[in-house]
PDB file of N, CA and C in Angstrom:
ATOM      1  N   MET A   1      52.197   9.309  32.548  1.00  0.00           N
ATOM      2  CA  MET A   1      51.383   8.694  33.558  1.00  0.00           C
ATOM      3  C   MET A   1      51.373   7.190  33.323  1.00  0.00           C
ATOM      4  N   SER A   2      51.724   6.459  34.303  1.00  0.00           N
ATOM      5  CA  SER A   2      51.776   5.012  34.203  1.00  0.00           C
ATOM      6  C   SER A   2      50.534   4.401  34.825  1.00  0.00           C
ATOM      7  N   THR A   3      49.956   3.442  34.128  1.00  0.00           N
ATOM      8  CA  THR A   3      48.797   2.743  34.675  1.00  0.00           C
ATOM      9  C   THR A   3      49.236   1.380  35.162  1.00  0.00           C
ATOM     10  N   PRO A   4      48.609   0.876  36.209  1.00  0.00           N
ATOM     11  CA  PRO A   4      49.013  -0.433  36.733  1.00  0.00           C
ATOM     12  C   PRO A   4      48.753  -1.540  35.706  1.00  0.00           C
ATOM     13  N   GLN A   5      49.598  -2.559  35.774  1.00  0.00           N
ATOM     14  CA  GLN A   5      49.457  -3.707  34.875  1.00  0.00           C
ATOM     15  C   GLN A   5      48.204  -4.494  35.250  1.00  0.00           C
ATOM     16  N   LYS A   6      47.421  -4.861  34.246  1.00  0.00           N
ATOM     17  CA  LYS A   6      46.217  -5.656  34.482  1.00  0.00           C
ATOM     18  C   LYS A   6      46.607  -7.113  34.686  1.00  0.00           C
ATOM     19  N   PRO A   7      45.872  -7.847  35.519  1.00  0.00           N
ATOM     20  CA  PRO A   7      46.175  -9.272  35.703  1.00  0.00           C
ATOM     21  C   PRO A   7      45.976 -10.040  34.392  1.00  0.00           C
ATOM     22  N   ARG A   8      46.673 -11.125  34.248  1.00  0.00           N
ATOM     23  CA  ARG A   8      46.582 -11.932  33.033  1.00  0.00           C
ATOM     24  C   ARG A   8      45.131 -12.395  32.823  1.00  0.00           C
ATOM     25  N   GLY A   9      44.617 -12.187  31.614  1.00  0.00           N
ATOM     26  CA  GLY A   9      43.260 -12.601  31.279  1.00  0.00           C
ATOM     27  C   GLY A   9      42.179 -11.587  31.646  1.00  0.00           C
ATOM     28  N   TYR A  10      42.578 -10.415  32.156  1.00  0.00           N
ATOM     29  CA  TYR A  10      41.597  -9.404  32.577  1.00  0.00           C
ATOM     30  C   TYR A  10      40.685  -8.990  31.426  1.00  0.00           C
ATOM     31  N   TRP A  11      41.280  -8.708  30.268  1.00  0.00           N
ATOM     32  CA  TRP A  11      40.507  -8.187  29.146  1.00  0.00           C
ATOM     33  C   TRP A  11      39.565  -9.242  28.582  1.00  0.00           C
ATOM     34  N   LYS A  12      39.994 -10.498  28.510  1.00  0.00           N
ATOM     35  CA  LYS A  12      39.104 -11.555  28.016  1.00  0.00           C
ATOM     36  C   LYS A  12      37.950 -11.787  28.985  1.00  0.00           C
ATOM     37  N   GLN A  13      38.230 -11.749  30.268  1.00  0.00           N
ATOM     38  CA  GLN A  13      37.176 -11.928  31.260  1.00  0.00           C
ATOM     39  C   GLN A  13      36.197 -10.760  31.243  1.00  0.00           C
ATOM     40  N   SER A  14      36.693  -9.591  30.941  1.00  0.00           N
ATOM     41  CA  SER A  14      35.865  -8.387  30.952  1.00  0.00           C
ATOM     42  C   SER A  14      35.275  -8.066  29.583  1.00  0.00           C
ATOM     43  N   ALA A  15      35.442  -8.938  28.611  1.00  0.00           N
ATOM     44  CA  ALA A  15      35.027  -8.647  27.234  1.00  0.00           C
ATOM     45  C   ALA A  15      33.538  -8.349  27.130  1.00  0.00           C
ATOM     46  N   LYS A  16      32.704  -9.159  27.756  1.00  0.00           N
ATOM     47  CA  LYS A  16      31.259  -8.957  27.668  1.00  0.00           C
ATOM     48  C   LYS A  16      30.860  -7.627  28.315  1.00  0.00           C
ATOM     49  N   LEU A  17      31.409  -7.367  29.484  1.00  0.00           N
ATOM     50  CA  LEU A  17      31.129  -6.112  30.174  1.00  0.00           C
ATOM     51  C   LEU A  17      31.612  -4.923  29.346  1.00  0.00           C
ATOM     52  N   LEU A  18      32.800  -5.050  28.792  1.00  0.00           N
ATOM     53  CA  LEU A  18      33.370  -3.975  27.982  1.00  0.00           C
ATOM     54  C   LEU A  18      32.513  -3.717  26.743  1.00  0.00           C
ATOM     55  N   ALA A  19      32.003  -4.772  26.126  1.00  0.00           N
ATOM     56  CA  ALA A  19      31.148  -4.620  24.940  1.00  0.00           C
ATOM     57  C   ALA A  19      29.869  -3.875  25.297  1.00  0.00           C
ATOM     58  N   GLU A  20      29.294  -4.181  26.446  1.00  0.00           N
ATOM     59  CA  GLU A  20      28.081  -3.481  26.887  1.00  0.00           C
ATOM     60  C   GLU A  20      28.373  -2.020  27.200  1.00  0.00           C
ATOM     61  N   GLN A  21      29.493  -1.772  27.867  1.00  0.00           N
ATOM     62  CA  GLN A  21      29.854  -0.401  28.220  1.00  0.00           C
ATOM     63  C   GLN A  21      30.184   0.422  26.983  1.00  0.00           C
ATOM     64  N   ALA A  22      30.780  -0.211  25.969  1.00  0.00           N
ATOM     65  CA  ALA A  22      31.179   0.507  24.756  1.00  0.00           C
ATOM     66  C   ALA A  22      29.975   1.022  23.988  1.00  0.00           C
ATOM     67  N   LYS A  23      28.800   0.458  24.235  1.00  0.00           N
ATOM     68  CA  LYS A  23      27.594   0.918  23.541  1.00  0.00           C
ATOM     69  C   LYS A  23      27.168   2.303  24.008  1.00  0.00           C
ATOM     70  N   THR A  24      27.461   2.631  25.256  1.00  0.00           N
ATOM     71  CA  THR A  24      26.960   3.885  25.816  1.00  0.00           C
ATOM     72  C   THR A  24      28.038   4.873  26.246  1.00  0.00           C
ATOM     73  N   LEU A  25      29.270   4.411  26.427  1.00  0.00           N
ATOM     74  CA  LEU A  25      30.319   5.295  26.941  1.00  0.00           C
ATOM     75  C   LEU A  25      31.329   5.638  25.858  1.00  0.00           C
ATOM     76  N   SER A  26      31.925   6.800  25.976  1.00  0.00           N
ATOM     77  CA  SER A  26      32.988   7.193  25.051  1.00  0.00           C
ATOM     78  C   SER A  26      34.273   6.455  25.430  1.00  0.00           C
ATOM     79  N   ASN A  27      35.252   6.519  24.536  1.00  0.00           N
ATOM     80  CA  ASN A  27      36.520   5.851  24.789  1.00  0.00           C
ATOM     81  C   ASN A  27      37.217   6.438  26.018  1.00  0.00           C
ATOM     82  N   ASN A  28      37.132   7.741  26.206  1.00  0.00           N
ATOM     83  CA  ASN A  28      37.734   8.382  27.383  1.00  0.00           C
ATOM     84  C   ASN A  28      37.091   7.864  28.672  1.00  0.00           C
ATOM     85  N   GLN A  29      35.767   7.734  28.660  1.00  0.00           N
ATOM     86  CA  GLN A  29      35.068   7.255  29.842  1.00  0.00           C
ATOM     87  C   GLN A  29      35.409   5.796  30.127  1.00  0.00           C
ATOM     88  N   LEU A  30      35.508   4.989  29.068  1.00  0.00           N
ATOM     89  CA  LEU A  30      35.886   3.586  29.250  1.00  0.00           C
ATOM     90  C   LEU A  30      37.284   3.460  29.834  1.00  0.00           C
ATOM     91  N   ALA A  31      38.210   4.255  29.306  1.00  0.00           N
ATOM     92  CA  ALA A  31      39.589   4.203  29.788  1.00  0.00           C
ATOM     93  C   ALA A  31      39.652   4.572  31.273  1.00  0.00           C
ATOM     94  N   ALA A  32      38.911   5.600  31.660  1.00  0.00           N
ATOM     95  CA  ALA A  32      38.909   5.997  33.069  1.00  0.00           C
ATOM     96  C   ALA A  32      38.275   4.908  33.941  1.00  0.00           C
ATOM     97  N   LEU A  33      37.218   4.309  33.442  1.00  0.00           N
ATOM     98  CA  LEU A  33      36.518   3.273  34.194  1.00  0.00           C
ATOM     99  C   LEU A  33      37.393   2.041  34.426  1.00  0.00           C
ATOM    100  N   HIS A  34      38.193   1.688  33.420  1.00  0.00           N
ATOM    101  CA  HIS A  34      39.053   0.508  33.527  1.00  0.00           C
ATOM    102  C   HIS A  34      40.484   0.866  33.947  1.00  0.00           C
ATOM    103  N   ASN A  35      40.679   2.129  34.334  1.00  0.00           N
ATOM    104  CA  ASN A  35      41.973   2.599  34.826  1.00  0.00           C
ATOM    105  C   ASN A  35      43.101   2.297  33.838  1.00  0.00           C
ATOM    106  N   THR A  36      42.910   2.733  32.613  1.00  0.00           N
ATOM    107  CA  THR A  36      43.919   2.531  31.573  1.00  0.00           C
ATOM    108  C   THR A  36      43.950   3.758  30.663  1.00  0.00           C
ATOM    109  N   THR A  37      44.799   3.741  29.674  1.00  0.00           N
ATOM    110  CA  THR A  37      44.917   4.870  28.755  1.00  0.00           C
ATOM    111  C   THR A  37      43.963   4.685  27.580  1.00  0.00           C
ATOM    112  N   ASN A  38      43.711   5.783  26.858  1.00  0.00           N
ATOM    113  CA  ASN A  38      42.842   5.729  25.682  1.00  0.00           C
ATOM    114  C   ASN A  38      43.398   4.794  24.622  1.00  0.00           C
ATOM    115  N   SER A  39      44.702   4.879  24.380  1.00  0.00           N
ATOM    116  CA  SER A  39      45.290   4.038  23.337  1.00  0.00           C
ATOM    117  C   SER A  39      45.218   2.559  23.721  1.00  0.00           C
ATOM    118  N   ARG A  40      45.430   2.260  24.984  1.00  0.00           N
ATOM    119  CA  ARG A  40      45.331   0.870  25.443  1.00  0.00           C
ATOM    120  C   ARG A  40      43.890   0.356  25.306  1.00  0.00           C
ATOM    121  N   MET A  41      42.916   1.229  25.599  1.00  0.00           N
ATOM    122  CA  MET A  41      41.510   0.848  25.481  1.00  0.00           C
ATOM    123  C   MET A  41      41.160   0.565  24.019  1.00  0.00           C
ATOM    124  N   ARG A  42      41.622   1.423  23.103  1.00  0.00           N
ATOM    125  CA  ARG A  42      41.362   1.187  21.673  1.00  0.00           C
ATOM    126  C   ARG A  42      42.001  -0.117  21.218  1.00  0.00           C
ATOM    127  N   CYS A  43      43.202  -0.385  21.687  1.00  0.00           N
ATOM    128  CA  CYS A  43      43.917  -1.618  21.341  1.00  0.00           C
ATOM    129  C   CYS A  43      43.119  -2.835  21.811  1.00  0.00           C
ATOM    130  N   GLN A  44      42.630  -2.810  23.032  1.00  0.00           N
ATOM    131  CA  GLN A  44      41.879  -3.940  23.564  1.00  0.00           C
ATOM    132  C   GLN A  44      40.546  -4.119  22.848  1.00  0.00           C
ATOM    133  N   GLN A  45      39.900  -3.012  22.494  1.00  0.00           N
ATOM    134  CA  GLN A  45      38.646  -3.109  21.751  1.00  0.00           C
ATOM    135  C   GLN A  45      38.886  -3.746  20.388  1.00  0.00           C
ATOM    136  N   THR A  46      39.997  -3.408  19.754  1.00  0.00           N
ATOM    137  CA  THR A  46      40.334  -4.004  18.467  1.00  0.00           C
ATOM    138  C   THR A  46      40.625  -5.487  18.625  1.00  0.00           C
ATOM    139  N   ARG A  47      41.407  -5.853  19.615  1.00  0.00           N
ATOM    140  CA  ARG A  47      41.745  -7.258  19.846  1.00  0.00           C
ATOM    141  C   ARG A  47      40.519  -8.108  20.149  1.00  0.00           C
ATOM    142  N   LEU A  48      39.588  -7.544  20.905  1.00  0.00           N
ATOM    143  CA  LEU A  48      38.384  -8.282  21.276  1.00  0.00           C
ATOM    144  C   LEU A  48      37.266  -8.132  20.247  1.00  0.00           C
ATOM    145  N   GLU A  49      37.561  -7.409  19.154  1.00  0.00           N
ATOM    146  CA  GLU A  49      36.618  -7.164  18.068  1.00  0.00           C
ATOM    147  C   GLU A  49      35.345  -6.483  18.565  1.00  0.00           C
ATOM    148  N   ILE A  50      35.535  -5.500  19.426  1.00  0.00           N
ATOM    149  CA  ILE A  50      34.429  -4.702  19.940  1.00  0.00           C
ATOM    150  C   ILE A  50      34.429  -3.388  19.178  1.00  0.00           C
ATOM    151  N   LYS A  51      33.324  -3.095  18.543  1.00  0.00           N
ATOM    152  CA  LYS A  51      33.222  -1.841  17.802  1.00  0.00           C
ATOM    153  C   LYS A  51      32.730  -0.761  18.754  1.00  0.00           C
ATOM    154  N   PRO A  52      33.556   0.264  18.956  1.00  0.00           N
ATOM    155  CA  PRO A  52      33.105   1.333  19.851  1.00  0.00           C
ATOM    156  C   PRO A  52      31.974   2.113  19.191  1.00  0.00           C
ATOM    157  N   SER A  53      30.952   2.435  19.970  1.00  0.00           N
ATOM    158  CA  SER A  53      29.845   3.205  19.415  1.00  0.00           C
ATOM    159  C   SER A  53      30.277   4.653  19.267  1.00  0.00           C
ATOM    160  N   LYS A  54      29.634   5.320  18.344  1.00  0.00           N
ATOM    161  CA  LYS A  54      29.921   6.734  18.158  1.00  0.00           C
ATOM    162  C   LYS A  54      29.220   7.491  19.279  1.00  0.00           C
ATOM    163  N   HIS A  55      30.015   8.076  20.134  1.00  0.00           N
ATOM    164  CA  HIS A  55      29.454   8.816  21.255  1.00  0.00           C
ATOM    165  C   HIS A  55      28.976  10.170  20.750  1.00  0.00           C
ATOM    166  N   VAL A  56      27.736  10.513  21.020  1.00  0.00           N
ATOM    167  CA  VAL A  56      27.159  11.763  20.546  1.00  0.00           C
ATOM    168  C   VAL A  56      27.574  12.892  21.479  1.00  0.00           C
ATOM    169  N   THR A  57      28.136  13.937  20.893  1.00  0.00           N
ATOM    170  CA  THR A  57      28.530  15.091  21.697  1.00  0.00           C
ATOM    171  C   THR A  57      27.328  16.006  21.903  1.00  0.00           C
ATOM    172  N   GLY A  58      27.476  16.949  22.782  1.00  0.00           N
ATOM    173  CA  GLY A  58      26.406  17.904  23.037  1.00  0.00           C
ATOM    174  C   GLY A  58      26.043  18.702  21.807  1.00  0.00           C
ATOM    175  N   ARG A  59      27.033  19.059  21.018  1.00  0.00           N
ATOM    176  CA  ARG A  59      26.805  19.836  19.804  1.00  0.00           C
ATOM    177  C   ARG A  59      25.967  19.034  18.811  1.00  0.00           C
ATOM    178  N   GLU A  60      26.313  17.750  18.630  1.00  0.00           N
ATOM    179  CA  GLU A  60      25.551  16.907  17.708  1.00  0.00           C
ATOM    180  C   GLU A  60      24.125  16.714  18.207  1.00  0.00           C
ATOM    181  N   ALA A  61      23.973  16.594  19.505  1.00  0.00           N
ATOM    182  CA  ALA A  61      22.640  16.425  20.076  1.00  0.00           C
ATOM    183  C   ALA A  61      21.798  17.670  19.844  1.00  0.00           C
ATOM    184  N   ARG A  62      22.402  18.852  19.989  1.00  0.00           N
ATOM    185  CA  ARG A  62      21.659  20.091  19.752  1.00  0.00           C
ATOM    186  C   ARG A  62      21.235  20.201  18.292  1.00  0.00           C
ATOM    187  N   ASN A  63      22.107  19.797  17.368  1.00  0.00           N
ATOM    188  CA  ASN A  63      21.751  19.826  15.954  1.00  0.00           C
ATOM    189  C   ASN A  63      20.600  18.881  15.663  1.00  0.00           C
ATOM    190  N   ALA A  64      20.634  17.713  16.261  1.00  0.00           N
ATOM    191  CA  ALA A  64      19.545  16.754  16.073  1.00  0.00           C
ATOM    192  C   ALA A  64      18.248  17.301  16.669  1.00  0.00           C
ATOM    193  N   GLU A  65      18.359  17.985  17.805  1.00  0.00           N
ATOM    194  CA  GLU A  65      17.177  18.581  18.424  1.00  0.00           C
ATOM    195  C   GLU A  65      16.567  19.646  17.532  1.00  0.00           C
ATOM    196  N   LEU A  66      17.395  20.436  16.863  1.00  0.00           N
ATOM    197  CA  LEU A  66      16.888  21.466  15.949  1.00  0.00           C
ATOM    198  C   LEU A  66      16.109  20.817  14.815  1.00  0.00           C
ATOM    199  N   ALA A  67      16.647  19.753  14.254  1.00  0.00           N
ATOM    200  CA  ALA A  67      15.954  19.061  13.164  1.00  0.00           C
ATOM    201  C   ALA A  67      14.630  18.469  13.650  1.00  0.00           C
ATOM    202  N   LYS A  68      14.628  17.872  14.854  1.00  0.00           N
ATOM    203  CA  LYS A  68      13.394  17.308  15.410  1.00  0.00           C
ATOM    204  C   LYS A  68      12.360  18.397  15.666  1.00  0.00           C
ATOM    205  N   LEU A  69      12.818  19.520  16.209  1.00  0.00           N
ATOM    206  CA  LEU A  69      11.919  20.624  16.508  1.00  0.00           C
ATOM    207  C   LEU A  69      11.272  21.151  15.234  1.00  0.00           C
ATOM    208  N   ALA A  70      12.056  21.328  14.184  1.00  0.00           N
ATOM    209  CA  ALA A  70      11.515  21.814  12.910  1.00  0.00           C
ATOM    210  C   ALA A  70      10.480  20.840  12.365  1.00  0.00           C
ATOM    211  N   THR A  71      10.756  19.553  12.432  1.00  0.00           N
ATOM    212  CA  THR A  71       9.822  18.552  11.934  1.00  0.00           C
ATOM    213  C   THR A  71       8.535  18.558  12.744  1.00  0.00           C
ATOM    214  N   THR A  72       8.648  18.698  14.062  1.00  0.00           N
ATOM    215  CA  THR A  72       7.461  18.737  14.924  1.00  0.00           C
ATOM    216  C   THR A  72       6.631  19.985  14.650  1.00  0.00           C
ATOM    217  N   LEU A  73       7.306  21.126  14.483  1.00  0.00           N
ATOM    218  CA  LEU A  73       6.574  22.362  14.181  1.00  0.00           C
ATOM    219  C   LEU A  73       5.801  22.241  12.879  1.00  0.00           C
ATOM    220  N   VAL A  74       6.440  21.678  11.872  1.00  0.00           N
ATOM    221  CA  VAL A  74       5.784  21.540  10.573  1.00  0.00           C
ATOM    222  C   VAL A  74       4.607  20.567  10.675  1.00  0.00           C
ATOM    223  N   ALA A  75       4.781  19.485  11.424  1.00  0.00           N
ATOM    224  CA  ALA A  75       3.704  18.507  11.562  1.00  0.00           C
ATOM    225  C   ALA A  75       2.474  19.108  12.237  1.00  0.00           C
ATOM    226  N   ASN A  76       2.688  20.080  13.123  1.00  0.00           N
ATOM    227  CA  ASN A  76       1.567  20.691  13.844  1.00  0.00           C
ATOM    228  C   ASN A  76       1.025  21.942  13.168  1.00  0.00           C
ATOM    229  N   MET A  77       1.524  22.302  11.996  1.00  0.00           N
ATOM    230  CA  MET A  77       1.038  23.485  11.293  1.00  0.00           C
ATOM    231  C   MET A  77      -0.307  23.194  10.629  1.00  0.00           C
ATOM    232  N   PRO A  78      -1.121  24.237  10.497  1.00  0.00           N
ATOM    233  CA  PRO A  78      -2.354  24.052   9.717  1.00  0.00           C
ATOM    234  C   PRO A  78      -2.010  23.678   8.267  1.00  0.00           C
ATOM    235  N   ARG A  79      -2.893  22.947   7.640  1.00  0.00           N
ATOM    236  CA  ARG A  79      -2.639  22.416   6.304  1.00  0.00           C
ATOM    237  C   ARG A  79      -2.300  23.507   5.281  1.00  0.00           C
ATOM    238  N   ASN A  80      -2.976  24.645   5.345  1.00  0.00           N
ATOM    239  CA  ASN A  80      -2.741  25.691   4.344  1.00  0.00           C
ATOM    240  C   ASN A  80      -1.360  26.341   4.483  1.00  0.00           C
ATOM    241  N   TYR A  81      -0.702  26.253   5.647  1.00  0.00           N
ATOM    242  CA  TYR A  81       0.653  26.789   5.820  1.00  0.00           C
ATOM    243  C   TYR A  81       1.742  25.730   5.638  1.00  0.00           C
ATOM    244  N   LYS A  82       1.345  24.500   5.832  1.00  0.00           N
ATOM    245  CA  LYS A  82       2.335  23.416   5.881  1.00  0.00           C
ATOM    246  C   LYS A  82       3.149  23.309   4.596  1.00  0.00           C
ATOM    247  N   ALA A  83       2.518  23.371   3.461  1.00  0.00           N
ATOM    248  CA  ALA A  83       3.238  23.182   2.193  1.00  0.00           C
ATOM    249  C   ALA A  83       4.245  24.306   1.948  1.00  0.00           C
ATOM    250  N   ASP A  84       3.826  25.538   2.148  1.00  0.00           N
ATOM    251  CA  ASP A  84       4.710  26.673   1.839  1.00  0.00           C
ATOM    252  C   ASP A  84       5.745  26.928   2.929  1.00  0.00           C
ATOM    253  N   PHE A  85       5.253  27.243   4.120  1.00  0.00           N
ATOM    254  CA  PHE A  85       6.156  27.607   5.202  1.00  0.00           C
ATOM    255  C   PHE A  85       6.885  26.401   5.787  1.00  0.00           C
ATOM    256  N   GLY A  86       6.195  25.299   5.852  1.00  0.00           N
ATOM    257  CA  GLY A  86       6.778  24.100   6.456  1.00  0.00           C
ATOM    258  C   GLY A  86       7.977  23.573   5.702  1.00  0.00           C
ATOM    259  N   SER A  87       7.856  23.471   4.389  1.00  0.00           N
ATOM    260  CA  SER A  87       8.985  22.948   3.603  1.00  0.00           C
ATOM    261  C   SER A  87      10.176  23.898   3.660  1.00  0.00           C
ATOM    262  N   GLU A  88       9.890  25.189   3.649  1.00  0.00           N
ATOM    263  CA  GLU A  88      10.980  26.174   3.725  1.00  0.00           C
ATOM    264  C   GLU A  88      11.666  26.126   5.101  1.00  0.00           C
ATOM    265  N   LEU A  89      10.887  25.996   6.160  1.00  0.00           N
ATOM    266  CA  LEU A  89      11.442  25.910   7.514  1.00  0.00           C
ATOM    267  C   LEU A  89      12.324  24.671   7.664  1.00  0.00           C
ATOM    268  N   ARG A  90      11.825  23.538   7.202  1.00  0.00           N
ATOM    269  CA  ARG A  90      12.620  22.308   7.272  1.00  0.00           C
ATOM    270  C   ARG A  90      13.901  22.427   6.467  1.00  0.00           C
ATOM    271  N   ARG A  91      13.800  22.979   5.269  1.00  0.00           N
ATOM    272  CA  ARG A  91      14.974  23.116   4.402  1.00  0.00           C
ATOM    273  C   ARG A  91      16.023  24.018   5.046  1.00  0.00           C
ATOM    274  N   ARG A  92      15.593  25.134   5.611  1.00  0.00           N
ATOM    275  CA  ARG A  92      16.549  26.059   6.240  1.00  0.00           C
ATOM    276  C   ARG A  92      17.184  25.464   7.496  1.00  0.00           C
ATOM    277  N   CYS A  93      16.405  24.770   8.285  1.00  0.00           N
ATOM    278  CA  CYS A  93      16.959  24.143   9.494  1.00  0.00           C
ATOM    279  C   CYS A  93      17.978  23.075   9.134  1.00  0.00           C
ATOM    280  N   MET A  94      17.682  22.263   8.141  1.00  0.00           N
ATOM    281  CA  MET A  94      18.630  21.231   7.735  1.00  0.00           C
ATOM    282  C   MET A  94      19.891  21.872   7.149  1.00  0.00           C
ATOM    283  N   ALA A  95      19.741  22.955   6.396  1.00  0.00           N
ATOM    284  CA  ALA A  95      20.910  23.661   5.862  1.00  0.00           C
ATOM    285  C   ALA A  95      21.761  24.220   7.005  1.00  0.00           C
ATOM    286  N   LEU A  96      21.100  24.741   8.032  1.00  0.00           N
ATOM    287  CA  LEU A  96      21.812  25.272   9.199  1.00  0.00           C
ATOM    288  C   LEU A  96      22.575  24.168   9.922  1.00  0.00           C
ATOM    289  N   VAL A  97      21.958  23.017  10.075  1.00  0.00           N
ATOM    290  CA  VAL A  97      22.621  21.881  10.718  1.00  0.00           C
ATOM    291  C   VAL A  97      23.847  21.467   9.905  1.00  0.00           C
ATOM    292  N   MET A  98      23.694  21.386   8.590  1.00  0.00           N
ATOM    293  CA  MET A  98      24.812  20.979   7.738  1.00  0.00           C
ATOM    294  C   MET A  98      25.945  22.011   7.767  1.00  0.00           C
ATOM    295  N   ARG A  99      25.602  23.291   7.758  1.00  0.00           N
ATOM    296  CA  ARG A  99      26.651  24.323   7.827  1.00  0.00           C
ATOM    297  C   ARG A  99      27.352  24.309   9.178  1.00  0.00           C
ATOM    298  N   THR A 100      26.613  24.022  10.232  1.00  0.00           N
ATOM    299  CA  THR A 100      27.221  23.902  11.552  1.00  0.00           C
ATOM    300  C   THR A 100      28.206  22.747  11.575  1.00  0.00           C
ATOM    301  N   TYR A 101      27.808  21.648  10.970  1.00  0.00           N
ATOM    302  CA  TYR A 101      28.717  20.493  10.872  1.00  0.00           C
ATOM    303  C   TYR A 101      29.963  20.870  10.073  1.00  0.00           C
ATOM    304  N   ASP A 102      29.776  21.572   8.956  1.00  0.00           N
ATOM    305  CA  ASP A 102      30.926  22.016   8.154  1.00  0.00           C
ATOM    306  C   ASP A 102      31.862  22.897   8.974  1.00  0.00           C
ATOM    307  N   ALA A 103      31.279  23.822   9.744  1.00  0.00           N
ATOM    308  CA  ALA A 103      32.099  24.721  10.565  1.00  0.00           C
ATOM    309  C   ALA A 103      32.857  23.938  11.632  1.00  0.00           C
ATOM    310  N   ASN A 104      32.210  22.947  12.220  1.00  0.00           N
ATOM    311  CA  ASN A 104      32.855  22.171  13.280  1.00  0.00           C
ATOM    312  C   ASN A 104      33.974  21.288  12.764  1.00  0.00           C
ATOM    313  N   THR A 105      33.908  20.884  11.507  1.00  0.00           N
ATOM    314  CA  THR A 105      34.932  20.006  10.951  1.00  0.00           C
ATOM    315  C   THR A 105      35.973  20.749  10.133  1.00  0.00           C
ATOM    316  N   SER A 106      35.794  22.035   9.949  1.00  0.00           N
ATOM    317  CA  SER A 106      36.706  22.825   9.124  1.00  0.00           C
ATOM    318  C   SER A 106      37.808  23.468   9.963  1.00  0.00           C
ATOM    319  N   GLN A 107      38.963  23.658   9.348  1.00  0.00           N
ATOM    320  CA  GLN A 107      40.055  24.366  10.022  1.00  0.00           C
ATOM    321  C   GLN A 107      39.799  25.871  10.040  1.00  0.00           C
ATOM    322  N   ASP A 108      39.242  26.388   8.942  1.00  0.00           N
ATOM    323  CA  ASP A 108      38.967  27.822   8.822  1.00  0.00           C
ATOM    324  C   ASP A 108      37.469  28.042   9.010  1.00  0.00           C
ATOM    325  N   ARG A 109      37.053  28.294  10.244  1.00  0.00           N
ATOM    326  CA  ARG A 109      35.633  28.373  10.572  1.00  0.00           C
ATOM    327  C   ARG A 109      35.020  29.745  10.338  1.00  0.00           C
ATOM    328  N   ALA A 110      35.812  30.766  10.355  1.00  0.00           N
ATOM    329  CA  ALA A 110      35.283  32.135  10.330  1.00  0.00           C
ATOM    330  C   ALA A 110      34.349  32.406   9.147  1.00  0.00           C
ATOM    331  N   PRO A 111      34.732  32.092   7.897  1.00  0.00           N
ATOM    332  CA  PRO A 111      33.809  32.396   6.793  1.00  0.00           C
ATOM    333  C   PRO A 111      32.509  31.585   6.864  1.00  0.00           C
ATOM    334  N   ILE A 112      32.595  30.366   7.328  1.00  0.00           N
ATOM    335  CA  ILE A 112      31.382  29.535   7.425  1.00  0.00           C
ATOM    336  C   ILE A 112      30.452  30.099   8.493  1.00  0.00           C
ATOM    337  N   LEU A 113      31.015  30.506   9.629  1.00  0.00           N
ATOM    338  CA  LEU A 113      30.195  31.079  10.695  1.00  0.00           C
ATOM    339  C   LEU A 113      29.584  32.411  10.275  1.00  0.00           C
ATOM    340  N   GLN A 114      30.318  33.209   9.505  1.00  0.00           N
ATOM    341  CA  GLN A 114      29.750  34.460   9.000  1.00  0.00           C
ATOM    342  C   GLN A 114      28.566  34.201   8.075  1.00  0.00           C
ATOM    343  N   ARG A 115      28.701  33.183   7.231  1.00  0.00           N
ATOM    344  CA  ARG A 115      27.612  32.820   6.325  1.00  0.00           C
ATOM    345  C   ARG A 115      26.382  32.349   7.113  1.00  0.00           C
ATOM    346  N   ILE A 116      26.619  31.591   8.183  1.00  0.00           N
ATOM    347  CA  ILE A 116      25.504  31.131   9.025  1.00  0.00           C
ATOM    348  C   ILE A 116      24.805  32.318   9.647  1.00  0.00           C
ATOM    349  N   ARG A 117      25.581  33.274  10.186  1.00  0.00           N
ATOM    350  CA  ARG A 117      24.987  34.456  10.817  1.00  0.00           C
ATOM    351  C   ARG A 117      24.159  35.274   9.815  1.00  0.00           C
ATOM    352  N   GLN A 118      24.641  35.398   8.584  1.00  0.00           N
ATOM    353  CA  GLN A 118      23.908  36.143   7.569  1.00  0.00           C
ATOM    354  C   GLN A 118      22.596  35.451   7.208  1.00  0.00           C
ATOM    355  N   GLU A 119      22.609  34.139   7.154  1.00  0.00           N
ATOM    356  CA  GLU A 119      21.417  33.399   6.772  1.00  0.00           C
ATOM    357  C   GLU A 119      20.354  33.376   7.865  1.00  0.00           C
ATOM    358  N   VAL A 120      20.818  33.413   9.110  1.00  0.00           N
ATOM    359  CA  VAL A 120      19.860  33.378  10.223  1.00  0.00           C
ATOM    360  C   VAL A 120      19.297  34.774  10.397  1.00  0.00           C
TER     361      VAL A 120
END
């Protein structure tokens, strides 16, 4: 797929806009927005010294939500349950988040997912 050639100076003129967009959009979204390829977008970001933000995926957002939910539940627990049940709940939720991350980054996911299912 060939993308049209950008006019001379396009990237320098668009640097400020691109820096603002890079804070909230993924590289794929930026490339589509500027009608270019992903590799060309990464090249221009490097040349303009724009650090692309880490775009949060849905999976990462769900993991963060689980951690927030556990913390909120523990904060709202009665004092006599908070120390015992609260610390255990937080510890297990964080372990689940970490194992999910391990499974998502691993080539061999099956044993990790089986371990998660057994623990839940």
